Amino acid sequence: MATIFRELSYRYQWLYDTIAKISALAVGGEAKFRRLAIQNLTISSDSKVLDLCCGSGQATSVLVEYSHHVTGLDASPLSLQRAQKNVPQAKYIQGFAEAIPLPDGEFDLVHTSAALHEMEPQQLQEILNEVYRILKPGGIFTLVDFHSPMSLWMKPGIAVFFWLFETHTAWQFLATDLSALLTQRGFEIRQKTLYAGGSLQVIQARKGEIIENR
């Protein structure tokens, strides 16, 4: 059942958008959800921004309000086609998040929304390495994704949502200390905030001034 609903949600934009809007009610609506990861960040019109795993451009549409240099990257040609139509102000590149086809030290900000939970543990490690690589020294990686609920009332809802729309990687992600992985990679955690009874996390992490090779 989970696979069927998941495939349908990616195949039909209206269904994906409906699920996203309903899920976002837990944090005050979709407009607020799309801005959670960039709260308190300074983004200028000249900032080079990468929307990693941009999907159909839902978050990209917000990022282009701040910067004139937004790039969306996704592995799905269909998603990129939709993103180009929805947010033509950005440019788009097809590629995998664990092997980003872009130069070292290219971006001031890398953003990703509700994508990391779809990755296997090894993929996740590779993605963090790639994000570190393409960020400028002092650049920011900001993300919003699931977190193991702190409130008992949120646990049944998350479980039902995962069974309907997610795969085993989402369950693995709940047991992952993402802050620790980022720190091990060399990021400095600037801020971590939990929402929706602890079921959603926003992390803003900064790359050190010295570029490492790992």
N, C-alpha and C. Protein backbone atom coordinates (compact mmCIF):
# COMPACT_ATOMS: atom_id res chain seq x y z
N MET A 1 0.83 -1.21 0.00
CA MET A 1 0.00 0.00 0.00
C MET A 1 0.86 1.25 0.00
N ALA A 2 1.91 1.25 0.78
CA ALA A 2 2.77 2.43 0.85
C ALA A 2 3.36 2.76 -0.51
N THR A 3 3.78 1.72 -1.22
CA THR A 3 4.40 1.94 -2.52
C THR A 3 3.40 2.53 -3.51
N ILE A 4 2.16 2.06 -3.48
CA ILE A 4 1.13 2.55 -4.39
C ILE A 4 0.88 4.03 -4.16
N PHE A 5 0.62 4.42 -2.91
CA PHE A 5 0.33 5.82 -2.61
C PHE A 5 1.54 6.71 -2.91
N ARG A 6 2.72 6.19 -2.64
CA ARG A 6 3.93 6.96 -2.89
C ARG A 6 4.09 7.22 -4.39
N GLU A 7 3.93 6.21 -5.19
CA GLU A 7 4.06 6.37 -6.63
C GLU A 7 2.99 7.30 -7.19
N LEU A 8 1.77 7.17 -6.69
CA LEU A 8 0.70 8.04 -7.16
C LEU A 8 0.97 9.50 -6.82
N SER A 9 1.51 9.73 -5.63
CA SER A 9 1.76 11.11 -5.21
C SER A 9 2.83 11.78 -6.06
N TYR A 10 3.79 11.00 -6.57
CA TYR A 10 4.81 11.56 -7.44
C TYR A 10 4.34 11.67 -8.89
N ARG A 11 3.41 10.80 -9.25
CA ARG A 11 2.92 10.81 -10.63
C ARG A 11 1.96 11.97 -10.87
N TYR A 12 1.12 12.26 -9.86
CA TYR A 12 0.10 13.29 -10.01
C TYR A 12 0.41 14.48 -9.12
N GLN A 13 0.71 15.61 -9.75
CA GLN A 13 1.10 16.81 -9.01
C GLN A 13 0.03 17.25 -8.03
N TRP A 14 -1.24 17.18 -8.44
CA TRP A 14 -2.32 17.64 -7.56
C TRP A 14 -2.37 16.83 -6.27
N LEU A 15 -2.09 15.52 -6.37
CA LEU A 15 -2.12 14.68 -5.19
C LEU A 15 -0.95 15.01 -4.26
N TYR A 16 0.24 15.19 -4.85
CA TYR A 16 1.41 15.56 -4.05
C TYR A 16 1.17 16.89 -3.34
N ASP A 17 0.64 17.86 -4.07
CA ASP A 17 0.40 19.17 -3.48
C ASP A 17 -0.62 19.10 -2.35
N THR A 18 -1.64 18.27 -2.53
CA THR A 18 -2.67 18.12 -1.49
C THR A 18 -2.08 17.51 -0.23
N ILE A 19 -1.26 16.47 -0.40
CA ILE A 19 -0.61 15.84 0.75
C ILE A 19 0.30 16.83 1.47
N ALA A 20 1.06 17.61 0.69
CA ALA A 20 1.97 18.59 1.27
C ALA A 20 1.21 19.64 2.08
N LYS A 21 0.09 20.11 1.54
CA LYS A 21 -0.69 21.14 2.22
C LYS A 21 -1.29 20.61 3.52
N ILE A 22 -1.80 19.39 3.48
CA ILE A 22 -2.39 18.81 4.69
C ILE A 22 -1.31 18.57 5.75
N SER A 23 -0.15 18.05 5.34
CA SER A 23 0.93 17.79 6.27
C SER A 23 1.44 19.07 6.92
N ALA A 24 1.46 20.15 6.14
CA ALA A 24 2.00 21.42 6.62
C ALA A 24 1.10 22.11 7.64
N LEU A 25 -0.13 21.66 7.77
CA LEU A 25 -1.04 22.27 8.75
C LEU A 25 -0.48 22.17 10.16
N ALA A 26 0.34 21.15 10.41
CA ALA A 26 0.91 20.95 11.75
C ALA A 26 1.84 22.08 12.17
N VAL A 27 2.35 22.85 11.19
CA VAL A 27 3.25 23.97 11.52
C VAL A 27 2.65 25.30 11.11
N GLY A 28 1.35 25.33 10.82
CA GLY A 28 0.70 26.59 10.50
C GLY A 28 0.45 26.83 9.03
N GLY A 29 0.58 25.80 8.21
CA GLY A 29 0.29 25.94 6.79
C GLY A 29 1.52 25.85 5.91
N GLU A 30 1.26 25.65 4.61
CA GLU A 30 2.36 25.42 3.68
C GLU A 30 3.26 26.63 3.52
N ALA A 31 2.69 27.83 3.51
CA ALA A 31 3.51 29.04 3.35
C ALA A 31 4.55 29.14 4.48
N LYS A 32 4.13 28.84 5.68
CA LYS A 32 5.07 28.89 6.81
C LYS A 32 6.08 27.75 6.73
N PHE A 33 5.60 26.56 6.34
CA PHE A 33 6.50 25.41 6.24
C PHE A 33 7.64 25.69 5.26
N ARG A 34 7.34 26.27 4.12
CA ARG A 34 8.35 26.51 3.08
C ARG A 34 9.40 27.52 3.52
N ARG A 35 9.12 28.28 4.58
CA ARG A 35 10.06 29.29 5.06
C ARG A 35 10.78 28.90 6.36
N LEU A 36 10.43 27.75 6.90
CA LEU A 36 11.02 27.35 8.19
C LEU A 36 12.54 27.28 8.13
N ALA A 37 13.07 26.69 7.06
CA ALA A 37 14.51 26.44 6.99
C ALA A 37 15.33 27.70 6.76
N ILE A 38 14.69 28.79 6.27
CA ILE A 38 15.47 30.00 5.99
C ILE A 38 15.20 31.11 7.00
N GLN A 39 14.49 30.79 8.06
CA GLN A 39 14.26 31.79 9.11
C GLN A 39 15.59 32.24 9.71
N ASN A 40 15.71 33.54 9.91
CA ASN A 40 16.88 34.15 10.56
C ASN A 40 18.16 34.07 9.72
N LEU A 41 18.03 33.69 8.45
CA LEU A 41 19.20 33.66 7.57
C LEU A 41 19.25 34.93 6.73
N THR A 42 20.46 35.40 6.46
CA THR A 42 20.65 36.55 5.59
C THR A 42 20.90 36.05 4.16
N ILE A 43 19.94 36.31 3.29
CA ILE A 43 20.05 35.90 1.89
C ILE A 43 19.89 37.15 1.04
N SER A 44 20.92 37.50 0.32
CA SER A 44 20.87 38.70 -0.52
C SER A 44 20.53 38.31 -1.96
N SER A 45 20.28 39.31 -2.78
CA SER A 45 19.96 39.05 -4.18
C SER A 45 21.14 38.43 -4.92
N ASP A 46 22.35 38.61 -4.38
CA ASP A 46 23.56 38.07 -5.02
C ASP A 46 23.98 36.71 -4.46
N SER A 47 23.30 36.24 -3.42
CA SER A 47 23.64 34.95 -2.83
C SER A 47 23.43 33.82 -3.84
N LYS A 48 24.37 32.91 -3.91
CA LYS A 48 24.22 31.74 -4.77
C LYS A 48 23.61 30.62 -3.94
N VAL A 49 22.42 30.19 -4.36
CA VAL A 49 21.60 29.27 -3.57
C VAL A 49 21.32 28.01 -4.38
N LEU A 50 21.49 26.86 -3.73
CA LEU A 50 21.13 25.58 -4.35
C LEU A 50 19.96 24.97 -3.59
N ASP A 51 18.88 24.69 -4.31
CA ASP A 51 17.75 23.95 -3.73
C ASP A 51 17.96 22.49 -4.09
N LEU A 52 18.46 21.74 -3.14
CA LEU A 52 18.86 20.35 -3.36
C LEU A 52 17.64 19.44 -3.28
N CYS A 53 17.48 18.56 -4.27
CA CYS A 53 16.28 17.72 -4.37
C CYS A 53 15.06 18.62 -4.43
N CYS A 54 15.05 19.49 -5.41
CA CYS A 54 14.07 20.58 -5.48
C CYS A 54 12.67 20.11 -5.83
N GLY A 55 12.54 18.88 -6.34
CA GLY A 55 11.22 18.41 -6.73
C GLY A 55 10.60 19.31 -7.77
N SER A 56 9.34 19.65 -7.59
CA SER A 56 8.61 20.47 -8.57
C SER A 56 8.74 21.95 -8.31
N GLY A 57 9.62 22.32 -7.37
CA GLY A 57 9.92 23.73 -7.15
C GLY A 57 9.12 24.42 -6.06
N GLN A 58 8.52 23.66 -5.16
CA GLN A 58 7.71 24.29 -4.11
C GLN A 58 8.56 25.23 -3.24
N ALA A 59 9.71 24.74 -2.77
CA ALA A 59 10.58 25.60 -1.97
C ALA A 59 11.38 26.56 -2.84
N THR A 60 11.68 26.15 -4.06
CA THR A 60 12.41 27.02 -4.99
C THR A 60 11.66 28.33 -5.19
N SER A 61 10.34 28.25 -5.23
CA SER A 61 9.51 29.45 -5.45
C SER A 61 9.70 30.47 -4.34
N VAL A 62 10.05 30.01 -3.15
CA VAL A 62 10.32 30.92 -2.03
C VAL A 62 11.73 31.47 -2.13
N LEU A 63 12.69 30.61 -2.46
CA LEU A 63 14.08 31.03 -2.51
C LEU A 63 14.32 32.12 -3.55
N VAL A 64 13.60 32.07 -4.67
CA VAL A 64 13.80 33.09 -5.70
C VAL A 64 13.26 34.45 -5.28
N GLU A 65 12.50 34.50 -4.20
CA GLU A 65 12.05 35.78 -3.67
C GLU A 65 13.21 36.54 -3.03
N TYR A 66 14.25 35.80 -2.63
CA TYR A 66 15.39 36.40 -1.93
C TYR A 66 16.61 36.56 -2.83
N SER A 67 16.85 35.60 -3.68
CA SER A 67 18.08 35.59 -4.48
C SER A 67 17.77 35.52 -5.98
N HIS A 68 18.65 36.17 -6.76
CA HIS A 68 18.54 36.10 -8.22
C HIS A 68 19.38 34.97 -8.80
N HIS A 69 20.01 34.20 -7.91
CA HIS A 69 20.93 33.15 -8.37
C HIS A 69 20.58 31.83 -7.69
N VAL A 70 19.41 31.31 -8.00
CA VAL A 70 18.93 30.07 -7.40
C VAL A 70 19.01 28.95 -8.44
N THR A 71 19.60 27.83 -8.02
CA THR A 71 19.68 26.64 -8.86
C THR A 71 18.92 25.51 -8.18
N GLY A 72 18.09 24.82 -8.94
CA GLY A 72 17.40 23.65 -8.42
C GLY A 72 18.02 22.39 -9.00
N LEU A 73 18.27 21.42 -8.15
CA LEU A 73 18.84 20.14 -8.60
C LEU A 73 17.93 19.00 -8.17
N ASP A 74 17.67 18.09 -9.11
CA ASP A 74 16.85 16.92 -8.80
C ASP A 74 17.23 15.81 -9.77
N ALA A 75 17.01 14.57 -9.35
CA ALA A 75 17.33 13.42 -10.20
C ALA A 75 16.20 13.11 -11.18
N SER A 76 15.02 13.64 -10.94
CA SER A 76 13.86 13.30 -11.76
C SER A 76 13.64 14.30 -12.89
N PRO A 77 13.69 13.86 -14.14
CA PRO A 77 13.40 14.76 -15.26
C PRO A 77 11.98 15.33 -15.20
N LEU A 78 11.02 14.51 -14.76
CA LEU A 78 9.64 14.97 -14.66
C LEU A 78 9.51 16.09 -13.64
N SER A 79 10.16 15.92 -12.48
CA SER A 79 10.11 16.96 -11.45
C SER A 79 10.73 18.26 -11.96
N LEU A 80 11.86 18.14 -12.65
CA LEU A 80 12.53 19.33 -13.17
C LEU A 80 11.69 20.03 -14.23
N GLN A 81 10.99 19.25 -15.03
CA GLN A 81 10.10 19.83 -16.03
C GLN A 81 9.00 20.64 -15.35
N ARG A 82 8.45 20.08 -14.28
CA ARG A 82 7.42 20.79 -13.53
C ARG A 82 7.99 22.04 -12.85
N ALA A 83 9.20 21.90 -12.28
CA ALA A 83 9.83 23.02 -11.60
C ALA A 83 10.09 24.17 -12.56
N GLN A 84 10.57 23.85 -13.75
CA GLN A 84 10.85 24.87 -14.76
C GLN A 84 9.58 25.64 -15.11
N LYS A 85 8.47 24.92 -15.18
CA LYS A 85 7.18 25.55 -15.48
C LYS A 85 6.69 26.38 -14.30
N ASN A 86 6.85 25.84 -13.09
CA ASN A 86 6.33 26.51 -11.90
C ASN A 86 7.18 27.70 -11.47
N VAL A 87 8.52 27.57 -11.62
CA VAL A 87 9.43 28.62 -11.15
C VAL A 87 10.49 28.88 -12.22
N PRO A 88 10.14 29.58 -13.27
CA PRO A 88 11.10 29.81 -14.36
C PRO A 88 12.24 30.75 -14.00
N GLN A 89 12.14 31.44 -12.84
CA GLN A 89 13.20 32.37 -12.44
C GLN A 89 14.49 31.65 -12.06
N ALA A 90 14.39 30.38 -11.69
CA ALA A 90 15.57 29.61 -11.28
C ALA A 90 16.11 28.84 -12.49
N LYS A 91 17.36 28.38 -12.35
CA LYS A 91 17.89 27.46 -13.35
C LYS A 91 17.95 26.07 -12.74
N TYR A 92 17.97 25.03 -13.58
CA TYR A 92 17.83 23.67 -13.09
C TYR A 92 18.88 22.75 -13.69
N ILE A 93 19.29 21.79 -12.86
CA ILE A 93 20.28 20.80 -13.26
C ILE A 93 19.80 19.43 -12.82
N GLN A 94 19.87 18.45 -13.71
CA GLN A 94 19.53 17.09 -13.34
C GLN A 94 20.77 16.41 -12.77
N GLY A 95 20.61 15.76 -11.63
CA GLY A 95 21.73 15.07 -11.02
C GLY A 95 21.33 14.49 -9.68
N PHE A 96 22.18 13.61 -9.17
CA PHE A 96 21.94 12.98 -7.88
C PHE A 96 22.58 13.79 -6.77
N ALA A 97 21.91 13.84 -5.64
CA ALA A 97 22.40 14.62 -4.51
C ALA A 97 23.71 14.07 -3.96
N GLU A 98 23.95 12.78 -4.17
CA GLU A 98 25.18 12.18 -3.66
C GLU A 98 26.34 12.31 -4.65
N ALA A 99 26.09 12.92 -5.81
CA ALA A 99 27.15 13.15 -6.81
C ALA A 99 26.79 14.43 -7.57
N ILE A 100 26.81 15.53 -6.89
CA ILE A 100 26.35 16.81 -7.44
C ILE A 100 27.29 17.28 -8.55
N PRO A 101 26.80 17.48 -9.76
CA PRO A 101 27.65 17.87 -10.89
C PRO A 101 27.93 19.37 -10.92
N LEU A 102 28.49 19.89 -9.83
CA LEU A 102 28.78 21.31 -9.70
C LEU A 102 30.14 21.49 -9.03
N PRO A 103 30.81 22.63 -9.25
CA PRO A 103 32.17 22.84 -8.73
C PRO A 103 32.24 22.99 -7.21
N ASP A 104 33.43 22.79 -6.68
CA ASP A 104 33.70 23.02 -5.26
C ASP A 104 33.46 24.49 -4.91
N GLY A 105 33.00 24.73 -3.67
CA GLY A 105 32.89 26.08 -3.16
C GLY A 105 32.04 27.02 -3.99
N GLU A 106 30.96 26.53 -4.54
CA GLU A 106 30.15 27.30 -5.49
C GLU A 106 29.05 28.11 -4.82
N PHE A 107 28.53 27.63 -3.67
CA PHE A 107 27.29 28.20 -3.13
C PHE A 107 27.45 28.81 -1.74
N ASP A 108 26.66 29.88 -1.53
CA ASP A 108 26.57 30.50 -0.21
C ASP A 108 25.59 29.75 0.68
N LEU A 109 24.60 29.15 0.06
CA LEU A 109 23.53 28.48 0.80
C LEU A 109 23.07 27.25 0.04
N VAL A 110 22.95 26.13 0.76
CA VAL A 110 22.33 24.92 0.22
C VAL A 110 21.10 24.62 1.08
N HIS A 111 19.99 24.44 0.42
CA HIS A 111 18.71 24.21 1.10
C HIS A 111 18.13 22.88 0.63
N THR A 112 17.55 22.13 1.55
CA THR A 112 16.80 20.95 1.14
C THR A 112 15.61 20.77 2.06
N SER A 113 14.51 20.30 1.49
CA SER A 113 13.26 20.20 2.24
C SER A 113 12.66 18.81 2.08
N ALA A 114 12.54 18.09 3.21
CA ALA A 114 11.86 16.79 3.25
C ALA A 114 12.37 15.82 2.19
N ALA A 115 13.69 15.75 2.07
CA ALA A 115 14.29 14.86 1.08
C ALA A 115 15.27 13.86 1.69
N LEU A 116 15.96 14.25 2.73
CA LEU A 116 17.02 13.39 3.28
C LEU A 116 16.47 12.08 3.83
N HIS A 117 15.22 12.08 4.29
CA HIS A 117 14.65 10.85 4.86
C HIS A 117 14.42 9.78 3.78
N GLU A 118 14.55 10.15 2.52
CA GLU A 118 14.37 9.18 1.44
C GLU A 118 15.66 8.45 1.09
N MET A 119 16.75 8.79 1.76
CA MET A 119 18.06 8.24 1.42
C MET A 119 18.48 7.09 2.32
N GLU A 120 19.19 6.14 1.73
CA GLU A 120 19.83 5.09 2.52
C GLU A 120 20.97 5.71 3.33
N PRO A 121 21.38 5.09 4.44
CA PRO A 121 22.44 5.67 5.29
C PRO A 121 23.71 6.04 4.53
N GLN A 122 24.17 5.18 3.63
CA GLN A 122 25.38 5.50 2.88
C GLN A 122 25.17 6.69 1.96
N GLN A 123 24.00 6.75 1.34
CA GLN A 123 23.66 7.90 0.49
C GLN A 123 23.68 9.18 1.30
N LEU A 124 23.12 9.13 2.50
CA LEU A 124 23.06 10.30 3.35
C LEU A 124 24.46 10.82 3.66
N GLN A 125 25.37 9.93 3.98
CA GLN A 125 26.75 10.33 4.24
C GLN A 125 27.37 10.99 3.01
N GLU A 126 27.13 10.40 1.85
CA GLU A 126 27.68 10.95 0.61
C GLU A 126 27.09 12.32 0.29
N ILE A 127 25.82 12.49 0.58
CA ILE A 127 25.16 13.78 0.34
C ILE A 127 25.76 14.87 1.24
N LEU A 128 25.98 14.55 2.50
CA LEU A 128 26.58 15.53 3.41
C LEU A 128 27.98 15.91 2.93
N ASN A 129 28.73 14.93 2.43
CA ASN A 129 30.06 15.22 1.88
C ASN A 129 29.96 16.17 0.69
N GLU A 130 28.98 15.92 -0.17
CA GLU A 130 28.82 16.74 -1.36
C GLU A 130 28.37 18.16 -1.01
N VAL A 131 27.46 18.28 -0.07
CA VAL A 131 27.01 19.60 0.36
C VAL A 131 28.18 20.40 0.93
N TYR A 132 28.99 19.73 1.73
CA TYR A 132 30.17 20.39 2.31
C TYR A 132 31.11 20.85 1.19
N ARG A 133 31.27 20.02 0.20
CA ARG A 133 32.19 20.32 -0.90
C ARG A 133 31.75 21.54 -1.70
N ILE A 134 30.47 21.64 -2.03
CA ILE A 134 30.02 22.70 -2.93
C ILE A 134 29.75 24.02 -2.21
N LEU A 135 29.72 24.00 -0.88
CA LEU A 135 29.54 25.24 -0.13
C LEU A 135 30.83 26.04 -0.08
N LYS A 136 30.70 27.36 -0.12
CA LYS A 136 31.84 28.23 0.13
C LYS A 136 32.22 28.13 1.61
N PRO A 137 33.46 28.41 1.97
CA PRO A 137 33.81 28.49 3.40
C PRO A 137 32.89 29.50 4.10
N GLY A 138 32.30 29.08 5.20
CA GLY A 138 31.36 29.93 5.89
C GLY A 138 29.94 29.83 5.38
N GLY A 139 29.73 29.03 4.32
CA GLY A 139 28.39 28.86 3.75
C GLY A 139 27.48 28.06 4.66
N ILE A 140 26.19 28.14 4.40
CA ILE A 140 25.18 27.54 5.28
C ILE A 140 24.44 26.41 4.56
N PHE A 141 24.29 25.30 5.27
CA PHE A 141 23.41 24.21 4.86
C PHE A 141 22.19 24.25 5.75
N THR A 142 21.02 24.43 5.18
CA THR A 142 19.81 24.50 5.96
C THR A 142 18.80 23.48 5.46
N LEU A 143 18.14 22.82 6.37
CA LEU A 143 17.25 21.71 5.99
C LEU A 143 16.07 21.60 6.93
N VAL A 144 15.01 21.04 6.39
CA VAL A 144 13.85 20.68 7.19
C VAL A 144 13.48 19.25 6.82
N ASP A 145 13.25 18.42 7.85
CA ASP A 145 12.91 17.02 7.60
C ASP A 145 12.30 16.42 8.86
N PHE A 146 11.94 15.16 8.77
CA PHE A 146 11.30 14.48 9.89
C PHE A 146 12.26 14.33 11.06
N HIS A 147 11.65 14.14 12.24
CA HIS A 147 12.39 13.90 13.47
C HIS A 147 11.53 12.98 14.32
N SER A 148 12.15 12.16 15.11
CA SER A 148 11.39 11.26 15.98
C SER A 148 10.52 12.09 16.93
N PRO A 149 9.20 11.89 16.92
CA PRO A 149 8.30 12.74 17.71
C PRO A 149 8.63 12.73 19.20
N MET A 150 8.55 13.91 19.79
CA MET A 150 8.76 14.04 21.23
C MET A 150 7.43 13.90 21.99
N SER A 151 6.34 14.22 21.31
CA SER A 151 5.02 14.17 21.93
C SER A 151 4.30 12.89 21.53
N LEU A 152 3.68 12.24 22.51
CA LEU A 152 2.99 10.99 22.25
C LEU A 152 1.85 11.15 21.25
N TRP A 153 1.22 12.31 21.25
CA TRP A 153 0.06 12.51 20.36
C TRP A 153 0.46 12.58 18.90
N MET A 154 1.75 12.83 18.61
CA MET A 154 2.20 12.91 17.22
C MET A 154 2.63 11.55 16.68
N LYS A 155 2.94 10.61 17.53
CA LYS A 155 3.48 9.33 17.07
C LYS A 155 2.52 8.53 16.20
N PRO A 156 1.24 8.41 16.56
CA PRO A 156 0.32 7.66 15.68
C PRO A 156 0.19 8.29 14.30
N GLY A 157 0.13 9.62 14.25
CA GLY A 157 -0.01 10.31 12.96
C GLY A 157 1.19 10.09 12.06
N ILE A 158 2.39 10.17 12.64
CA ILE A 158 3.61 9.95 11.86
C ILE A 158 3.65 8.51 11.35
N ALA A 159 3.26 7.56 12.22
CA ALA A 159 3.28 6.15 11.84
C ALA A 159 2.35 5.89 10.66
N VAL A 160 1.14 6.44 10.71
CA VAL A 160 0.18 6.24 9.63
C VAL A 160 0.70 6.87 8.34
N PHE A 161 1.23 8.09 8.45
CA PHE A 161 1.77 8.78 7.27
C PHE A 161 2.90 7.97 6.63
N PHE A 162 3.79 7.45 7.46
CA PHE A 162 4.91 6.66 6.94
C PHE A 162 4.43 5.39 6.25
N TRP A 163 3.45 4.72 6.86
CA TRP A 163 2.96 3.48 6.27
C TRP A 163 2.28 3.73 4.93
N LEU A 164 1.67 4.89 4.78
CA LEU A 164 0.96 5.19 3.55
C LEU A 164 1.86 5.74 2.44
N PHE A 165 2.83 6.59 2.83
CA PHE A 165 3.54 7.36 1.81
C PHE A 165 5.06 7.21 1.81
N GLU A 166 5.63 6.58 2.81
CA GLU A 166 7.09 6.52 2.89
C GLU A 166 7.60 5.09 2.78
N THR A 167 8.92 4.95 2.75
CA THR A 167 9.56 3.65 2.67
C THR A 167 10.37 3.41 3.95
N HIS A 168 11.13 2.32 3.98
CA HIS A 168 11.90 1.96 5.16
C HIS A 168 12.94 3.01 5.50
N THR A 169 13.37 3.81 4.52
CA THR A 169 14.41 4.81 4.81
C THR A 169 13.90 5.89 5.77
N ALA A 170 12.61 6.18 5.71
CA ALA A 170 12.04 7.19 6.62
C ALA A 170 12.10 6.70 8.06
N TRP A 171 11.82 5.42 8.27
CA TRP A 171 11.91 4.86 9.62
C TRP A 171 13.36 4.87 10.10
N GLN A 172 14.28 4.56 9.21
CA GLN A 172 15.71 4.62 9.57
C GLN A 172 16.11 6.04 9.95
N PHE A 173 15.57 6.99 9.20
CA PHE A 173 15.93 8.39 9.42
C PHE A 173 15.51 8.86 10.81
N LEU A 174 14.38 8.38 11.30
CA LEU A 174 13.92 8.77 12.64
C LEU A 174 14.93 8.38 13.71
N ALA A 175 15.69 7.34 13.46
CA ALA A 175 16.68 6.86 14.43
C ALA A 175 18.05 7.49 14.20
N THR A 176 18.15 8.39 13.24
CA THR A 176 19.43 9.00 12.88
C THR A 176 19.63 10.33 13.60
N ASP A 177 20.80 10.50 14.20
CA ASP A 177 21.16 11.77 14.81
C ASP A 177 21.81 12.63 13.73
N LEU A 178 21.00 13.40 13.03
CA LEU A 178 21.50 14.17 11.90
C LEU A 178 22.49 15.25 12.34
N SER A 179 22.25 15.84 13.49
CA SER A 179 23.18 16.86 13.99
C SER A 179 24.57 16.27 14.21
N ALA A 180 24.61 15.06 14.74
CA ALA A 180 25.90 14.41 14.98
C ALA A 180 26.61 14.12 13.66
N LEU A 181 25.86 13.66 12.65
CA LEU A 181 26.47 13.39 11.34
C LEU A 181 27.04 14.67 10.73
N LEU A 182 26.31 15.75 10.85
CA LEU A 182 26.78 17.03 10.32
C LEU A 182 28.05 17.50 11.03
N THR A 183 28.05 17.34 12.35
CA THR A 183 29.21 17.74 13.13
C THR A 183 30.42 16.91 12.77
N GLN A 184 30.22 15.61 12.62
CA GLN A 184 31.32 14.72 12.23
C GLN A 184 31.89 15.11 10.87
N ARG A 185 31.05 15.60 9.99
CA ARG A 185 31.51 15.99 8.67
C ARG A 185 32.26 17.31 8.68
N GLY A 186 32.16 18.07 9.75
CA GLY A 186 32.88 19.34 9.84
C GLY A 186 32.00 20.56 9.89
N PHE A 187 30.68 20.35 9.90
CA PHE A 187 29.76 21.47 10.02
C PHE A 187 29.65 21.93 11.48
N GLU A 188 29.36 23.19 11.64
CA GLU A 188 29.04 23.75 12.95
C GLU A 188 27.53 23.97 13.01
N ILE A 189 26.86 23.35 13.96
CA ILE A 189 25.42 23.52 14.08
C ILE A 189 25.12 24.90 14.66
N ARG A 190 24.50 25.72 13.87
CA ARG A 190 24.14 27.07 14.32
C ARG A 190 22.81 27.07 15.06
N GLN A 191 21.90 26.25 14.56
CA GLN A 191 20.57 26.24 15.17
C GLN A 191 19.85 24.95 14.82
N LYS A 192 19.17 24.39 15.81
CA LYS A 192 18.29 23.25 15.59
C LYS A 192 16.98 23.53 16.31
N THR A 193 15.88 23.46 15.57
CA THR A 193 14.58 23.77 16.13
C THR A 193 13.61 22.65 15.78
N LEU A 194 12.80 22.23 16.75
CA LEU A 194 11.81 21.19 16.53
C LEU A 194 10.42 21.80 16.46
N TYR A 195 9.60 21.23 15.59
CA TYR A 195 8.22 21.69 15.40
C TYR A 195 7.27 20.49 15.44
N ALA A 196 5.99 20.80 15.51
CA ALA A 196 4.93 19.78 15.42
C ALA A 196 5.16 18.64 16.41
N GLY A 197 5.30 19.00 17.67
CA GLY A 197 5.50 17.97 18.69
C GLY A 197 6.80 17.22 18.56
N GLY A 198 7.77 17.87 17.94
CA GLY A 198 9.09 17.25 17.78
C GLY A 198 9.19 16.35 16.57
N SER A 199 8.14 16.30 15.73
CA SER A 199 8.15 15.39 14.58
C SER A 199 8.84 16.00 13.35
N LEU A 200 9.20 17.27 13.44
CA LEU A 200 9.85 17.97 12.34
C LEU A 200 11.05 18.74 12.89
N GLN A 201 12.17 18.64 12.20
CA GLN A 201 13.37 19.35 12.64
C GLN A 201 13.86 20.30 11.55
N VAL A 202 14.35 21.44 12.00
CA VAL A 202 15.02 22.39 11.13
C VAL A 202 16.43 22.57 11.66
N ILE A 203 17.42 22.32 10.81
CA ILE A 203 18.81 22.47 11.20
C ILE A 203 19.49 23.44 10.25
N GLN A 204 20.21 24.40 10.83
CA GLN A 204 21.05 25.30 10.06
C GLN A 204 22.49 25.08 10.50
N ALA A 205 23.33 24.67 9.56
CA ALA A 205 24.71 24.30 9.87
C ALA A 205 25.67 25.09 8.98
N ARG A 206 26.78 25.47 9.54
CA ARG A 206 27.75 26.32 8.85
C ARG A 206 29.01 25.54 8.52
N LYS A 207 29.50 25.72 7.30
CA LYS A 207 30.77 25.13 6.90
C LYS A 207 31.91 25.97 7.44
N GLY A 208 32.94 25.32 7.95
CA GLY A 208 34.09 26.03 8.50
C GLY A 208 34.82 26.84 7.44
N GLU A 209 35.66 27.75 7.90
CA GLU A 209 36.37 28.64 6.99
C GLU A 209 37.44 27.91 6.18
N ILE A 210 37.93 26.78 6.69
CA ILE A 210 38.96 26.02 5.99
C ILE A 210 38.31 24.86 5.25
N ILE A 211 38.52 24.79 3.95
CA ILE A 211 37.94 23.72 3.15
C ILE A 211 38.73 22.44 3.39
N GLU A 212 38.00 21.37 3.71
CA GLU A 212 38.65 20.09 3.95
C GLU A 212 38.45 19.18 2.76
N ASN A 213 39.30 18.18 2.66
CA ASN A 213 39.12 17.12 1.66
C ASN A 213 38.95 15.81 2.41
N ARG A 214 37.77 15.22 2.29
CA ARG A 214 37.52 13.94 2.98
C ARG A 214 36.95 12.94 2.00
